[in-house]
């Protein structure tokens, strides 16, 4: 009787190659899933600077929700990560204050919303700390200038302010810097809304949109 068998070395080699292929395939799948999530769903960022204190502080890590704006437009009060017109290579984080078609009025240290056919409505901004409440000034933002300035917002664009009103590079400043003439941020340049603070652990919390009595 004649017996036929495969060399043991060939069997072992095939097993090792299959194991390596399986590991590589799993790594590729994991990397692809992570890339998909970061591109279209959520993404982490680290805060640099103090333009959003006390809401967000320097060196905190945040997670933004990118998926949200695939189905709905940004809303007043949303904290968003975006590319500013003055430096489109970077990301900024600010709060949405004015919506398309509205006029934002900065007057007497406060912010008002003017809708077509309606009187100016003052925003109640409870998230501003004592150093910034009633101290929203014209450009330069720490000037103390309380004279009126109006910003009428085009379609599909937004007016954004930092919560640290005397130390924020925002829509009050964009039109004054370099060769840029716009104070507004197009919706396509808004990358997502801040979902929660992830680090440090002691400050982990999610955000909810504030309520405004604006009709």
Protein backbone atom coordinates (compact mmCIF):
# COMPACT_ATOMS: atom_id res chain seq x y z
CA UNK A 1 0.00 0.00 0.00
CA UNK A 2 1.30 3.40 -1.03
CA UNK A 3 0.78 6.46 1.23
CA UNK A 4 0.91 10.10 0.11
CA UNK A 5 1.40 12.97 2.57
CA UNK A 6 2.27 16.71 2.34
CA UNK A 7 5.58 17.83 3.75
CA UNK A 8 5.03 19.16 7.26
CA UNK A 9 7.07 22.28 6.46
CA UNK A 10 4.65 23.31 3.69
CA UNK A 11 1.64 22.97 6.02
CA UNK A 12 3.30 25.07 8.70
CA UNK A 13 4.28 27.81 6.22
CA UNK A 14 0.73 28.05 4.89
CA UNK A 15 -0.61 28.32 8.45
CA UNK A 16 1.78 31.15 9.30
CA UNK A 17 0.97 33.02 6.09
CA UNK A 18 -2.76 32.66 6.70
CA UNK A 19 -2.33 33.99 10.25
CA UNK A 20 -0.32 37.01 9.01
CA UNK A 21 -2.92 37.71 6.31
CA UNK A 22 -5.71 37.52 8.91
CA UNK A 23 -3.92 39.97 11.23
CA UNK A 24 -3.19 42.42 8.39
CA UNK A 25 -6.76 42.21 7.14
CA UNK A 26 -8.12 42.99 10.60
CA UNK A 27 -5.77 45.96 10.97
CA UNK A 28 -6.86 47.33 7.58
CA UNK A 29 -10.52 46.95 8.50
CA UNK A 30 -10.02 48.67 11.88
CA UNK A 31 -8.09 51.56 10.29
CA UNK A 32 -10.79 51.96 7.63
CA UNK A 33 -13.55 52.02 10.24
CA UNK A 34 -11.69 54.58 12.36
CA UNK A 35 -11.03 56.75 9.29
CA UNK A 36 -14.70 56.54 8.30
CA UNK A 37 -15.84 57.51 11.79
CA UNK A 38 -13.39 60.44 12.00
CA UNK A 39 -14.31 61.70 8.53
CA UNK A 40 -18.08 61.47 8.65
CA UNK A 41 -19.30 60.91 12.21
CA UNK A 42 -17.16 62.15 15.13
CA UNK A 43 -13.68 63.58 15.57
CA UNK A 44 -11.51 64.68 18.53
CA UNK A 45 -9.90 68.13 18.85
CA UNK A 46 -7.80 69.86 21.48
CA UNK A 47 -8.72 73.40 22.52
CA UNK A 48 -5.93 75.95 22.01
CA UNK A 49 -6.40 79.31 23.68
CA UNK A 50 -9.01 80.97 25.86
CA UNK A 51 -11.55 82.39 23.40
CA UNK A 52 -14.35 80.17 24.77
CA UNK A 53 -13.82 80.40 28.53
CA UNK A 54 -15.61 79.50 30.77
CA UNK A 55 -17.43 77.10 28.40
CA UNK A 56 -14.24 75.52 27.01
CA UNK A 57 -10.77 75.91 28.45
CA UNK A 58 -7.27 75.71 27.02
CA UNK A 59 -5.89 72.15 26.52
CA UNK A 60 -9.26 70.45 26.97
CA UNK A 61 -10.08 67.66 24.52
CA UNK A 62 -13.45 67.76 22.82
CA UNK A 63 -15.37 65.42 20.52
CA UNK A 64 -17.39 66.95 17.71
CA UNK A 65 -20.44 65.52 15.97
CA UNK A 66 -19.94 65.78 12.19
CA UNK A 67 -22.96 63.65 11.29
CA UNK A 68 -25.47 66.16 12.69
CA UNK A 69 -25.08 68.77 9.97
CA UNK A 70 -25.64 66.28 7.16
CA UNK A 71 -29.34 66.46 7.99
CA UNK A 72 -29.92 69.85 9.60
CA UNK A 73 -28.50 73.36 9.59
CA UNK A 74 -26.54 74.80 12.52
CA UNK A 75 -28.72 76.42 15.17
CA UNK A 76 -28.23 79.47 17.36
CA UNK A 77 -26.24 78.54 20.44
CA UNK A 78 -24.42 75.58 18.85
CA UNK A 79 -20.71 75.44 19.66
CA UNK A 80 -19.01 74.57 16.38
CA UNK A 81 -15.61 73.76 14.92
CA UNK A 82 -15.01 75.54 11.60
CA UNK A 83 -12.44 76.92 9.19
CA UNK A 84 -12.23 80.72 9.54
CA UNK A 85 -12.11 82.97 6.45
CA UNK A 86 -8.91 84.58 7.76
CA UNK A 87 -7.01 81.28 8.07
CA UNK A 88 -8.75 78.39 6.23
CA UNK A 89 -5.87 76.06 7.01
CA UNK A 90 -6.79 76.00 10.70
CA UNK A 91 -9.78 75.06 12.84
CA UNK A 92 -11.47 77.47 15.26
CA UNK A 93 -14.19 76.82 17.82
CA UNK A 94 -16.90 79.44 18.50
CA UNK A 95 -20.64 79.72 19.17
CA UNK A 96 -23.29 80.28 16.47
CA UNK A 97 -25.02 83.60 17.20
CA UNK A 98 -26.56 84.82 13.93
CA UNK A 99 -28.41 82.76 11.31
CA UNK A 100 -28.80 83.30 7.55
CA UNK A 101 -31.03 86.26 6.71
CA UNK A 102 -30.79 87.86 10.16
CA UNK A 103 -28.95 90.99 11.21
CA UNK A 104 -26.75 90.79 14.31
CA UNK A 105 -26.51 94.11 16.11
CA UNK A 106 -23.70 94.76 18.61
CA UNK A 107 -24.77 97.68 20.78
CA UNK A 108 -24.10 98.91 24.33
CA UNK A 109 -22.06 95.80 25.12
CA UNK A 110 -24.86 93.40 24.22
CA UNK A 111 -25.98 91.38 21.19
CA UNK A 112 -29.34 91.86 19.47
CA UNK A 113 -31.01 89.89 16.71
CA UNK A 114 -32.95 91.74 14.05
CA UNK A 115 -35.29 89.71 11.89
CA UNK A 116 -36.98 91.20 8.81
CA UNK A 117 -40.06 93.14 9.89
CA UNK A 118 -39.36 92.74 13.64
CA UNK A 119 -37.80 94.93 16.29
CA UNK A 120 -34.34 94.14 17.67
CA UNK A 121 -34.40 91.36 20.26
CA UNK A 122 -31.69 91.24 22.89
CA UNK A 123 -30.02 87.87 23.41
CA UNK A 124 -29.98 86.48 26.92
CA UNK A 125 -26.56 84.81 27.13
CA UNK A 126 -26.33 83.00 30.44
CA UNK A 127 -23.13 81.18 29.40
CA UNK A 128 -21.08 84.41 29.53
CA UNK A 129 -19.07 84.84 32.73
CA UNK A 130 -18.94 88.04 34.79
CA UNK A 131 -15.97 89.37 32.81
CA UNK A 132 -17.84 89.12 29.52
CA UNK A 133 -21.52 89.63 30.26
CA UNK A 134 -22.52 93.00 28.82
CA UNK A 135 -19.06 93.46 27.28
CA UNK A 136 -19.48 92.49 23.64
CA UNK A 137 -17.61 95.33 21.92
CA UNK A 138 -16.86 96.34 18.34
CA UNK A 139 -13.54 95.47 16.74
CA UNK A 140 -10.95 95.49 18.27
CA UNK A 141 -12.84 93.19 20.63
CA UNK A 142 -11.23 94.62 23.78
CA UNK A 143 -11.71 98.23 22.70
CA UNK A 144 -14.58 99.03 25.03
CA UNK A 145 -16.37 100.61 22.03
CA UNK A 146 -20.11 100.19 22.64
CA UNK A 147 -21.35 102.12 19.59
CA UNK A 148 -23.65 100.20 17.30
CA UNK A 149 -22.42 97.90 14.54
CA UNK A 150 -24.71 95.84 12.29
CA UNK A 151 -23.94 92.57 10.48
CA UNK A 152 -26.51 91.38 7.91
CA UNK A 153 -25.89 87.69 7.24
CA UNK A 154 -26.08 86.29 3.68
CA UNK A 155 -27.79 83.01 2.78
CA UNK A 156 -26.05 79.83 3.95
CA UNK A 157 -23.64 81.76 6.19
CA UNK A 158 -23.35 82.31 9.94
CA UNK A 159 -22.17 84.88 12.47
CA UNK A 160 -19.98 83.33 15.20
CA UNK A 161 -18.72 84.69 18.52
CA UNK A 162 -16.45 83.34 21.23
CA UNK A 163 -17.78 83.25 24.80
CA UNK A 164 -14.71 85.22 25.93
CA UNK A 165 -15.98 88.35 24.20
CA UNK A 166 -12.93 90.49 25.02
CA UNK A 167 -10.42 87.85 23.91
CA UNK A 168 -11.89 86.14 20.87
CA UNK A 169 -10.98 86.29 17.19
CA UNK A 170 -14.45 85.88 15.69
CA UNK A 171 -16.96 87.39 13.24
CA UNK A 172 -16.39 90.87 14.64
CA UNK A 173 -12.74 90.62 13.56
CA UNK A 174 -12.70 88.50 10.40
CA UNK A 175 -13.63 91.33 8.02
CA UNK A 176 -10.91 93.59 9.42
CA UNK A 177 -7.93 91.25 9.10
CA UNK A 178 -5.65 90.97 6.10
CA UNK A 179 -7.37 91.12 2.73
CA UNK A 180 -10.56 89.47 3.95
CA UNK A 181 -13.81 91.41 3.76
CA UNK A 182 -16.32 88.97 5.21
CA UNK A 183 -17.40 88.59 8.82
CA UNK A 184 -19.30 85.39 8.11
CA UNK A 185 -18.63 81.66 7.91
CA UNK A 186 -20.24 79.57 5.13
CA UNK A 187 -22.09 76.46 6.24
CA UNK A 188 -19.69 74.27 4.23
CA UNK A 189 -16.82 75.49 6.42
CA UNK A 190 -18.56 74.39 9.63
CA UNK A 191 -17.24 70.90 10.31
CA UNK A 192 -19.38 69.87 13.26
CA UNK A 193 -20.88 70.75 16.62
CA UNK A 194 -19.09 70.17 19.92
CA UNK A 195 -20.70 67.12 21.48
CA UNK A 196 -18.80 66.76 24.76
CA UNK A 197 -15.58 67.43 26.64
CA UNK A 198 -13.59 64.17 26.73
CA UNK A 199 -10.53 65.17 28.78
CA UNK A 200 -9.58 65.84 31.49
CA UNK A 201 -11.73 63.18 33.09
CA UNK A 202 -12.78 65.53 35.89
CA UNK A 203 -14.45 67.83 33.34
CA UNK A 204 -16.23 65.31 31.11
CA UNK A 205 -19.69 66.59 30.18
CA UNK A 206 -21.98 66.93 27.18
CA UNK A 207 -23.42 70.15 25.79
CA UNK A 208 -27.02 71.11 25.19
CA UNK A 209 -28.11 74.13 23.19
CA UNK A 210 -29.13 77.17 25.29
CA UNK A 211 -32.64 78.54 25.01
CA UNK A 212 -33.17 81.96 23.47
CA UNK A 213 -36.37 83.99 23.52
CA UNK A 214 -36.00 85.06 19.90
CA UNK A 215 -39.00 84.83 17.60
